[in-house]
Amino acid sequence: MSQDGTGGFLRPLARIPPTSPVIADPGRCASAAVSPSADLDHLRNVARDAYATGRAAEAAEAQAAVLARAKAAGTPAADDFLFAGLIHHAAGRGADAIEILRDGLRCYPDNASMHENLAVLLLATPDISGSIEACRSALALGSDSPNVHDCLCSAYRRAGRTDLAIEAGRQALECKDRRFGAARPLVAMPTGLPPAFNPGHPEQNVIAYTLWSNQPRYQVPLLENARIRPHLFPEWTIRVYHDNTVDRGYLGRLAALGVQLRSMVLPPGVPPHRGLLWRFEAIADPSVARFLIRDADSLLTVKERVAVDAWLLSEFHFHAMRDWYSHTDLLLAGMWGGVGGILPPLAALMSAYTPWRVENDHVDQDLLSVTVWPAIRRNVLIHDSIFQPCLGSVAFPPFGALPAGHHIGQNAFLHFSKSG
């Protein structure tokens, strides 16, 4: 599954530190400031615990109480506004989130994170100039957050300044590489060339997807991929990691088309977006020789087939693609692949993962940045149609070009909407 109709995503709000900062100028919010009470800190923890376990309504209620009580006491922290904005954003109440952050900026006009997150939220509105202005304010206040550069890339592109968008996208990628690439790799890369691709055992060459619920946006393109796979990727097998929320009849149709099915269970209290990680089970499966990780709502294309073939003939053990202005992550969760059995299993990656921002449906790409990128960054062929040359990326092979405005990883359900 993927995050939005462009194959990219609205960037999530910046990570909230575990401790709240001291109010730099409490006079902007109240005439006097007092130390937060133990009850207020407890309420903050209730809101965060509720959000982390997917109880959105409870989180919203608790955080609203935090802001109300903190304002009454003259002690609202910047994090109180940021987290309230995040909750409203996650619930689809963008206008409310924007108003909360603007309220926070009246207390904290010099808070770079507040400007950053306001910029992200404005990106989903017609106020693109406001988003750009907020990004610039964050940078002027010293921010080097990858979110700011990501946001600027998307905002400049929507404003028609593709030149500035490309520069901002490169800065985002380079910023993330500085932040994550220097970490100690979890595993050492193999020496020598990767093993030759074996087209005679398609069951060992896996295109992995995640699927839950019965949303047509994901089921329709995924079924189409199962139909076209024998023609476009005949040496590969599609594997779908799913839970019991998916209709049995639909799973039967996939199985009849040769799809491998893997039943998964999300533990109680774990937010649904963690299901995005199921497809990563393929990377350490001993039965998998080569893997491609893809999004269920994206159609396989000739362009990526040609790119994958170039990778299979290369000296690199891993492959990644970037094909749109929103593709400013080091590894796009639905646009990478590799040789099986090199990376640690998903459980080990999660054990080594320390989130750098509040977790949401971007967790799959954050996990890859923190745990996988440091290991493979010198052993990955990156095809990039927008930002290359950047971090060693190269242009796609000159074959299989897609129509203007289309790209690998996009929401393909748009193509099916008229026919139902």
Protein backbone atom coordinates (compact mmCIF):
# COMPACT_ATOMS: atom_id res chain seq x y z
CA MET A 1 0.00 0.00 0.00
CA SER A 2 1.18 3.57 -0.47
CA GLN A 3 0.52 6.99 0.94
CA ASP A 4 -0.99 9.26 -1.68
CA GLY A 5 -2.11 9.75 -5.23
CA THR A 6 1.29 10.80 -6.51
CA GLY A 7 3.18 7.85 -5.13
CA GLY A 8 4.57 10.19 -2.49
CA PHE A 9 3.00 11.62 0.63
CA LEU A 10 2.28 14.68 2.65
CA ARG A 11 5.28 14.93 4.92
CA PRO A 12 4.40 14.13 8.51
CA LEU A 13 4.97 16.63 11.27
CA ALA A 14 8.40 16.78 12.81
CA ARG A 15 9.23 14.56 15.71
CA ILE A 16 8.22 15.86 19.11
CA PRO A 17 11.02 15.58 21.68
CA PRO A 18 10.27 13.41 24.73
CA THR A 19 10.72 16.40 27.04
CA SER A 20 9.03 19.76 26.72
CA PRO A 21 11.16 22.91 26.28
CA VAL A 22 10.99 25.90 28.61
CA ILE A 23 8.88 28.78 27.31
CA ALA A 24 11.31 31.34 25.95
CA ASP A 25 8.95 34.29 26.41
CA PRO A 26 5.98 33.31 28.59
CA GLY A 27 4.73 36.90 28.47
CA ARG A 28 3.50 36.31 24.94
CA CYS A 29 0.93 33.82 26.24
CA ALA A 30 0.23 34.84 29.83
CA SER A 31 1.31 37.32 32.42
CA ALA A 32 3.12 34.72 34.46
CA ALA A 33 4.39 31.17 34.11
CA VAL A 34 4.44 28.39 36.63
CA SER A 35 5.92 24.90 36.53
CA PRO A 36 3.68 22.34 34.83
CA SER A 37 1.81 20.23 37.32
CA ALA A 38 2.27 16.49 37.59
CA ASP A 39 -1.35 16.11 36.46
CA LEU A 40 -0.61 18.07 33.26
CA ASP A 41 2.45 15.96 32.49
CA HIS A 42 0.39 12.84 33.09
CA LEU A 43 -2.25 14.09 30.67
CA ARG A 44 0.44 14.73 28.06
CA ASN A 45 1.59 11.14 28.42
CA VAL A 46 -1.99 9.89 28.08
CA ALA A 47 -2.35 11.78 24.80
CA ARG A 48 0.93 10.42 23.42
CA ASP A 49 0.21 6.84 24.47
CA ALA A 50 -3.25 7.02 22.89
CA TYR A 51 -1.85 8.36 19.63
CA ALA A 52 0.92 5.75 19.53
CA THR A 53 -1.58 2.92 19.84
CA GLY A 54 -4.04 4.23 17.27
CA ARG A 55 -6.67 5.65 19.65
CA ALA A 56 -7.02 8.91 17.76
CA ALA A 57 -10.20 10.21 19.41
CA GLU A 58 -8.80 9.63 22.89
CA ALA A 59 -5.53 11.32 21.90
CA ALA A 60 -7.39 14.35 20.54
CA GLU A 61 -9.50 14.69 23.67
CA ALA A 62 -6.51 14.40 26.01
CA GLN A 63 -4.39 16.84 24.02
CA ALA A 64 -7.22 19.38 23.87
CA ALA A 65 -7.36 19.18 27.65
CA VAL A 66 -3.58 19.66 27.80
CA LEU A 67 -3.77 22.88 25.80
CA ALA A 68 -6.75 24.21 27.73
CA ARG A 69 -5.20 23.59 31.13
CA ALA A 70 -1.73 24.73 30.08
CA LYS A 71 -3.08 27.98 28.65
CA ALA A 72 -5.10 28.62 31.80
CA ALA A 73 -1.95 28.14 33.87
CA GLY A 74 0.18 30.18 31.46
CA THR A 75 2.39 27.16 30.74
CA PRO A 76 1.69 25.86 27.21
CA ALA A 77 4.82 24.29 25.75
CA ALA A 78 5.72 24.40 22.07
CA ASP A 79 5.32 20.63 22.00
CA ASP A 80 1.72 20.98 23.19
CA PHE A 81 0.83 22.93 20.05
CA LEU A 82 2.91 20.71 17.78
CA PHE A 83 1.35 17.51 19.04
CA ALA A 84 -2.17 18.90 18.88
CA GLY A 85 -1.50 19.91 15.28
CA LEU A 86 -0.21 16.44 14.49
CA ILE A 87 -3.33 14.78 15.91
CA HIS A 88 -5.67 16.99 13.87
CA HIS A 89 -3.55 16.48 10.75
CA ALA A 90 -3.65 12.70 11.17
CA ALA A 91 -7.44 12.85 11.58
CA GLY A 92 -7.84 14.83 8.35
CA ARG A 93 -8.70 18.10 10.07
CA GLY A 94 -6.09 20.19 8.34
CA ALA A 95 -7.73 23.57 8.91
CA ASP A 96 -7.88 22.94 12.66
CA ALA A 97 -4.24 21.84 12.69
CA ILE A 98 -3.19 25.02 10.88
CA GLU A 99 -5.07 27.22 13.33
CA ILE A 100 -3.48 25.44 16.29
CA LEU A 101 0.01 25.97 14.91
CA ARG A 102 -0.67 29.61 14.14
CA ASP A 103 -1.86 29.96 17.72
CA GLY A 104 1.38 28.33 18.83
CA LEU A 105 3.44 30.76 16.76
CA ARG A 106 1.88 33.65 18.66
CA CYS A 107 3.58 32.17 21.72
CA TYR A 108 6.70 30.88 19.96
CA PRO A 109 7.40 33.05 16.90
CA ASP A 110 11.02 31.90 16.81
CA ASN A 111 10.28 28.18 16.96
CA ALA A 112 11.65 26.64 13.76
CA SER A 113 9.69 23.40 14.18
CA MET A 114 6.44 25.32 14.41
CA HIS A 115 7.16 27.11 11.12
CA GLU A 116 8.25 23.82 9.56
CA ASN A 117 5.07 22.01 10.47
CA LEU A 118 2.87 24.93 9.44
CA ALA A 119 4.59 24.80 6.05
CA VAL A 120 3.79 21.10 5.74
CA LEU A 121 0.13 21.66 6.53
CA LEU A 122 -0.19 24.62 4.16
CA LEU A 123 1.17 22.42 1.39
CA ALA A 124 -2.19 20.63 1.38
CA THR A 125 -4.04 23.92 0.82
CA PRO A 126 -4.08 26.46 -2.02
CA ASP A 127 -1.75 28.67 0.07
CA ILE A 128 1.47 27.45 -1.54
CA SER A 129 3.17 30.83 -1.12
CA GLY A 130 2.40 30.60 2.60
CA SER A 131 4.01 27.17 2.70
CA ILE A 132 7.14 28.48 0.99
CA GLU A 133 7.28 31.45 3.36
CA ALA A 134 6.97 29.18 6.41
CA CYS A 135 9.76 26.94 5.07
CA ARG A 136 12.00 29.95 4.58
CA SER A 137 11.24 31.13 8.11
CA ALA A 138 12.25 27.72 9.48
CA LEU A 139 15.51 27.82 7.51
CA ALA A 140 16.21 31.39 8.64
CA LEU A 141 15.81 30.21 12.23
CA GLY A 142 18.52 27.60 11.69
CA SER A 143 16.52 24.51 10.75
CA ASP A 144 18.25 21.83 8.72
CA SER A 145 15.31 19.44 9.01
CA PRO A 146 14.78 17.13 6.05
CA ASN A 147 11.06 17.96 6.32
CA VAL A 148 11.71 21.58 5.40
CA HIS A 149 13.59 20.65 2.23
CA ASP A 150 10.98 18.02 1.35
CA CYS A 151 8.23 20.58 1.75
CA LEU A 152 10.06 23.22 -0.27
CA CYS A 153 10.56 20.74 -3.10
CA SER A 154 6.83 19.99 -3.33
CA ALA A 155 5.82 23.63 -2.84
CA TYR A 156 8.17 24.97 -5.50
CA ARG A 157 7.00 22.33 -7.92
CA ARG A 158 3.35 23.29 -7.36
CA ALA A 159 4.32 26.94 -7.82
CA GLY A 160 5.81 26.10 -11.22
CA ARG A 161 9.45 26.56 -10.15
CA THR A 162 10.78 23.14 -11.05
CA ASP A 163 14.35 24.45 -10.99
CA LEU A 164 14.02 25.40 -7.33
CA ALA A 165 12.09 22.19 -6.62
CA ILE A 166 14.93 20.07 -7.95
CA GLU A 167 17.48 21.97 -5.87
CA ALA A 168 15.36 21.60 -2.72
CA GLY A 169 14.89 17.89 -3.42
CA ARG A 170 18.62 17.38 -3.72
CA GLN A 171 19.13 19.23 -0.46
CA ALA A 172 16.55 16.97 1.20
CA LEU A 173 18.32 13.83 0.02
CA GLU A 174 21.76 15.10 0.97
CA CYS A 175 20.46 16.21 4.38
CA LYS A 176 19.03 12.76 5.04
CA ASP A 177 22.22 11.08 3.92
CA ARG A 178 24.23 13.24 6.33
CA ARG A 179 21.81 12.40 9.10
CA PHE A 180 21.44 8.66 8.54
CA GLY A 181 24.23 7.58 6.24
CA ALA A 182 26.97 8.03 8.83
CA ALA A 183 25.40 5.51 11.22
CA ARG A 184 27.14 2.22 11.79
CA PRO A 185 25.70 -0.34 9.33
CA LEU A 186 23.74 -3.20 10.84
CA VAL A 187 25.39 -5.65 8.43
CA ALA A 188 28.44 -5.72 6.20
CA MET A 189 27.85 -5.84 2.47
CA PRO A 190 29.09 -8.86 0.51
CA THR A 191 32.32 -8.54 -1.42
CA GLY A 192 32.38 -9.30 -5.10
CA LEU A 193 29.54 -9.38 -7.57
CA PRO A 194 25.99 -10.39 -6.66
CA PRO A 195 24.86 -13.88 -7.66
CA ALA A 196 23.49 -14.11 -11.17
CA PHE A 197 19.75 -13.68 -11.50
CA ASN A 198 18.05 -17.02 -12.13
CA PRO A 199 14.97 -16.64 -14.36
CA GLY A 200 14.35 -20.40 -14.17
CA HIS A 201 13.05 -20.17 -10.59
CA PRO A 202 10.46 -17.38 -10.58
CA GLU A 203 9.15 -18.54 -7.20
CA GLN A 204 12.45 -17.34 -5.71
CA ASN A 205 12.20 -13.90 -7.32
CA VAL A 206 9.50 -12.14 -5.33
CA ILE A 207 7.59 -8.89 -5.88
CA ALA A 208 6.23 -8.21 -2.39
CA TYR A 209 3.12 -6.24 -1.46
CA THR A 210 1.16 -5.44 1.70
CA LEU A 211 -2.64 -5.49 1.77
CA TRP A 212 -5.33 -5.05 4.39
CA SER A 213 -9.03 -4.11 4.28
CA ASN A 214 -11.04 -4.00 1.05
CA GLN A 215 -10.32 -0.62 -0.48
CA PRO A 216 -10.71 -0.60 -4.29
CA ARG A 217 -7.77 1.83 -4.54
CA TYR A 218 -5.46 -1.04 -3.61
CA GLN A 219 -7.36 -4.14 -4.67
CA VAL A 220 -8.06 -3.08 -8.27
CA PRO A 221 -4.47 -2.21 -9.29
CA LEU A 222 -3.05 -5.18 -7.37
CA LEU A 223 -5.33 -7.59 -9.22
CA GLU A 224 -4.31 -5.95 -12.49
CA ASN A 225 -0.65 -6.45 -11.55
CA ALA A 226 -1.36 -10.13 -11.02
CA ARG A 227 -2.85 -10.28 -14.51
CA ILE A 228 -0.02 -8.47 -16.28
CA ARG A 229 2.84 -10.00 -14.28
CA PRO A 230 3.20 -13.04 -16.62
CA HIS A 231 3.66 -10.67 -19.56
CA LEU A 232 5.83 -7.99 -17.96
CA PHE A 233 7.71 -9.85 -15.20
CA PRO A 234 7.43 -13.55 -16.16
CA GLU A 235 10.59 -14.47 -14.22
CA TRP A 236 9.07 -13.14 -10.99
CA THR A 237 6.29 -14.15 -8.58
CA ILE A 238 3.96 -11.75 -6.78
CA ARG A 239 3.64 -12.28 -3.04
CA VAL A 240 1.00 -10.51 -0.95
CA TYR A 241 1.26 -10.15 2.83
CA HIS A 242 -2.29 -9.67 4.10
CA ASP A 243 -4.48 -10.00 7.18
CA ASN A 244 -7.96 -11.44 7.71
CA THR A 245 -9.67 -8.13 6.87
CA VAL A 246 -9.20 -8.86 3.16
CA ASP A 247 -12.16 -10.53 1.44
CA ARG A 248 -11.59 -14.27 1.00
CA GLY A 249 -13.05 -14.24 -2.48
CA TYR A 250 -10.59 -11.57 -3.56
CA LEU A 251 -7.68 -13.56 -2.11
CA GLY A 252 -8.92 -16.55 -4.07
CA ARG A 253 -8.77 -14.56 -7.30
CA LEU A 254 -5.17 -13.58 -6.53
CA ALA A 255 -4.24 -17.19 -5.78
CA ALA A 256 -5.80 -18.34 -9.07
CA LEU A 257 -3.42 -15.95 -10.84
CA GLY A 258 -0.38 -17.51 -9.18
CA VAL A 259 0.05 -15.02 -6.34
CA GLN A 260 1.76 -16.29 -3.19
CA LEU A 261 -0.32 -15.38 -0.13
CA ARG A 262 1.12 -14.84 3.34
CA SER A 263 -1.33 -14.36 6.20
CA MET A 264 -0.28 -11.81 8.82
CA VAL A 265 -1.65 -10.66 12.16
CA LEU A 266 -1.21 -7.21 13.66
CA PRO A 267 -0.76 -7.51 17.44
CA PRO A 268 -3.30 -5.74 19.65
CA GLY A 269 -2.50 -2.09 20.33
CA VAL A 270 -0.23 -1.78 17.27
CA PRO A 271 -1.33 1.03 14.91
CA PRO A 272 -2.64 -0.15 11.52
CA HIS A 273 0.09 1.60 9.54
CA ARG A 274 2.60 -0.94 10.89
CA GLY A 275 1.06 -3.29 8.34
CA LEU A 276 3.06 -1.42 5.72
CA LEU A 277 6.12 -3.24 7.07
CA TRP A 278 4.83 -6.75 6.37
CA ARG A 279 6.21 -6.74 2.84
CA PHE A 280 9.72 -6.31 4.29
CA GLU A 281 9.47 -9.90 5.55
CA ALA A 282 10.65 -10.94 2.09
CA ILE A 283 14.10 -9.37 2.44
CA ALA A 284 15.41 -12.07 4.81
CA ASP A 285 13.20 -14.98 3.75
CA PRO A 286 15.60 -17.85 2.95
CA SER A 287 13.40 -18.88 0.03
CA VAL A 288 13.84 -15.49 -1.69
CA ALA A 289 16.80 -14.95 -4.01
CA ARG A 290 15.78 -11.50 -5.28
CA PHE A 291 13.04 -9.21 -4.05
CA LEU A 292 11.22 -6.12 -5.26
CA ILE A 293 9.11 -4.15 -2.76
CA ARG A 294 6.14 -2.41 -4.35
CA ASP A 295 2.93 -0.49 -3.47
CA ALA A 296 -0.42 -2.20 -4.00
CA ASP A 297 -1.96 0.85 -5.68
CA SER A 298 0.79 1.20 -8.28
CA LEU A 299 0.87 -0.63 -11.60
CA LEU A 300 3.98 -2.39 -12.80
CA THR A 301 5.41 -0.61 -15.85
CA VAL A 302 7.77 -1.21 -18.74
CA LYS A 303 9.93 1.63 -17.45
CA GLU A 304 10.62 -0.11 -14.17
CA ARG A 305 11.05 -3.49 -15.90
CA VAL A 306 13.84 -1.98 -17.98
CA ALA A 307 15.36 -0.39 -14.87
CA VAL A 308 15.18 -3.67 -12.96
CA ASP A 309 16.89 -5.46 -15.87
CA ALA A 310 19.69 -2.89 -15.77
CA TRP A 311 20.10 -3.58 -12.06
CA LEU A 312 20.14 -7.35 -12.56
CA LEU A 313 23.07 -6.93 -14.97
CA SER A 314 24.93 -4.53 -12.68
CA GLU A 315 27.50 -4.99 -9.92
CA PHE A 316 25.08 -3.75 -7.24
CA HIS A 317 23.24 -5.91 -4.73
CA PHE A 318 20.39 -3.42 -4.28
CA HIS A 319 18.18 -1.24 -6.46
CA ALA A 320 16.18 1.94 -5.85
CA MET A 321 14.15 4.31 -8.01
CA ARG A 322 13.01 7.92 -7.78
CA ASP A 323 10.66 9.15 -10.47
CA TRP A 324 8.74 12.18 -9.12
CA TYR A 325 9.26 15.40 -7.20
CA SER A 326 7.86 13.86 -4.00
CA HIS A 327 10.44 11.06 -4.16
CA THR A 328 12.90 12.70 -1.79
CA ASP A 329 13.39 9.78 0.58
CA LEU A 330 16.64 7.88 0.53
CA LEU A 331 14.67 4.71 -0.20
CA LEU A 332 11.04 4.79 -1.34
CA ALA A 333 9.30 1.96 0.53
CA GLY A 334 7.51 0.77 -2.62
CA MET A 335 10.31 1.37 -5.12
CA TRP A 336 13.33 -0.66 -4.04
CA GLY A 337 14.69 -4.19 -4.18
CA GLY A 338 17.69 -6.33 -3.52
CA VAL A 339 19.40 -9.67 -3.19
CA GLY A 340 17.73 -11.78 -0.54
CA GLY A 341 19.42 -12.95 2.63
CA ILE A 342 21.75 -9.98 3.12
CA LEU A 343 19.73 -7.64 5.29
CA PRO A 344 18.53 -8.61 8.77
CA PRO A 345 14.91 -9.75 9.19
CA LEU A 346 12.20 -7.20 9.87
CA ALA A 347 12.15 -7.93 13.61
CA ALA A 348 15.86 -7.10 13.86
CA LEU A 349 15.39 -3.90 11.86
CA MET A 350 12.61 -2.82 14.20
CA SER A 351 14.76 -3.58 17.24
CA ALA A 352 17.50 -1.34 15.85
CA TYR A 353 15.11 1.42 14.81
CA THR A 354 14.94 4.68 16.73
CA PRO A 355 12.24 6.99 15.33
CA TRP A 356 13.39 10.50 14.50
CA ARG A 357 9.88 11.94 14.30
CA VAL A 358 6.40 11.00 15.44
CA GLU A 359 5.42 7.69 13.87
CA ASN A 360 2.65 7.56 11.29
CA ASP A 361 2.15 5.96 7.87
CA HIS A 362 5.62 7.10 6.91
CA VAL A 363 7.13 4.51 9.25
CA ASP A 364 8.20 2.19 6.42
CA GLN A 365 10.38 4.82 4.76
CA ASP A 366 11.73 6.10 8.07
CA LEU A 367 12.69 2.54 9.00
CA LEU A 368 14.57 2.15 5.72
CA SER A 369 16.41 5.46 6.20
CA VAL A 370 17.53 4.61 9.72
CA THR A 371 18.36 0.91 9.42
CA VAL A 372 18.84 -0.07 5.76
CA TRP A 373 20.32 2.98 4.04
CA PRO A 374 23.56 3.07 6.12
CA ALA A 375 24.29 -0.51 5.06
CA ILE A 376 23.49 -0.32 1.34
CA ARG A 377 24.27 3.29 0.41
CA ARG A 378 27.48 2.27 -1.41
CA ASN A 379 25.95 -0.85 -2.93
CA VAL A 380 22.73 0.36 -4.55
CA LEU A 381 21.96 1.29 -8.14
CA ILE A 382 19.67 4.32 -8.00
CA HIS A 383 17.66 5.27 -11.09
CA ASP A 384 16.45 8.84 -10.75
CA SER A 385 14.58 10.90 -13.34
CA ILE A 386 14.36 14.12 -11.28
CA PHE A 387 17.28 14.72 -8.92
CA GLN A 388 20.23 12.90 -10.51
CA PRO A 389 23.07 13.22 -10.19
CA CYS A 390 22.52 13.03 -6.44
CA LEU A 391 24.02 10.51 -4.01
CA GLY A 392 25.34 8.54 -6.97
CA SER A 393 22.03 8.29 -8.82
CA VAL A 394 21.88 7.85 -12.59
CA ALA A 395 19.25 8.41 -15.26
CA PHE A 396 16.78 5.68 -16.15
CA PRO A 397 17.62 3.67 -19.26
CA PRO A 398 16.27 5.43 -22.38
CA PHE A 399 13.49 2.90 -22.95
CA GLY A 400 9.93 2.44 -21.74
CA ALA A 401 9.23 6.12 -21.09
CA LEU A 402 5.86 6.86 -19.50
CA PRO A 403 3.45 9.57 -20.71
CA ALA A 404 4.02 13.09 -19.41
CA GLY A 405 2.80 13.48 -15.84
CA HIS A 406 2.98 9.74 -15.13
CA HIS A 407 5.65 8.08 -13.04
CA ILE A 408 6.63 4.86 -11.33
CA GLY A 409 4.92 4.48 -7.99
CA GLN A 410 1.88 6.63 -8.73
CA ASN A 411 -1.67 5.87 -7.61
CA ALA A 412 -2.84 3.80 -10.56
CA PHE A 413 -6.44 3.55 -9.31
CA LEU A 414 -7.01 6.93 -10.94
CA HIS A 415 -6.87 5.11 -14.26
CA PHE A 416 -9.69 2.77 -13.24
CA SER A 417 -12.06 5.30 -11.67
CA LYS A 418 -14.11 6.08 -14.79
CA SER A 419 -14.75 2.41 -15.54
CA GLY A 420 -15.44 1.57 -11.89
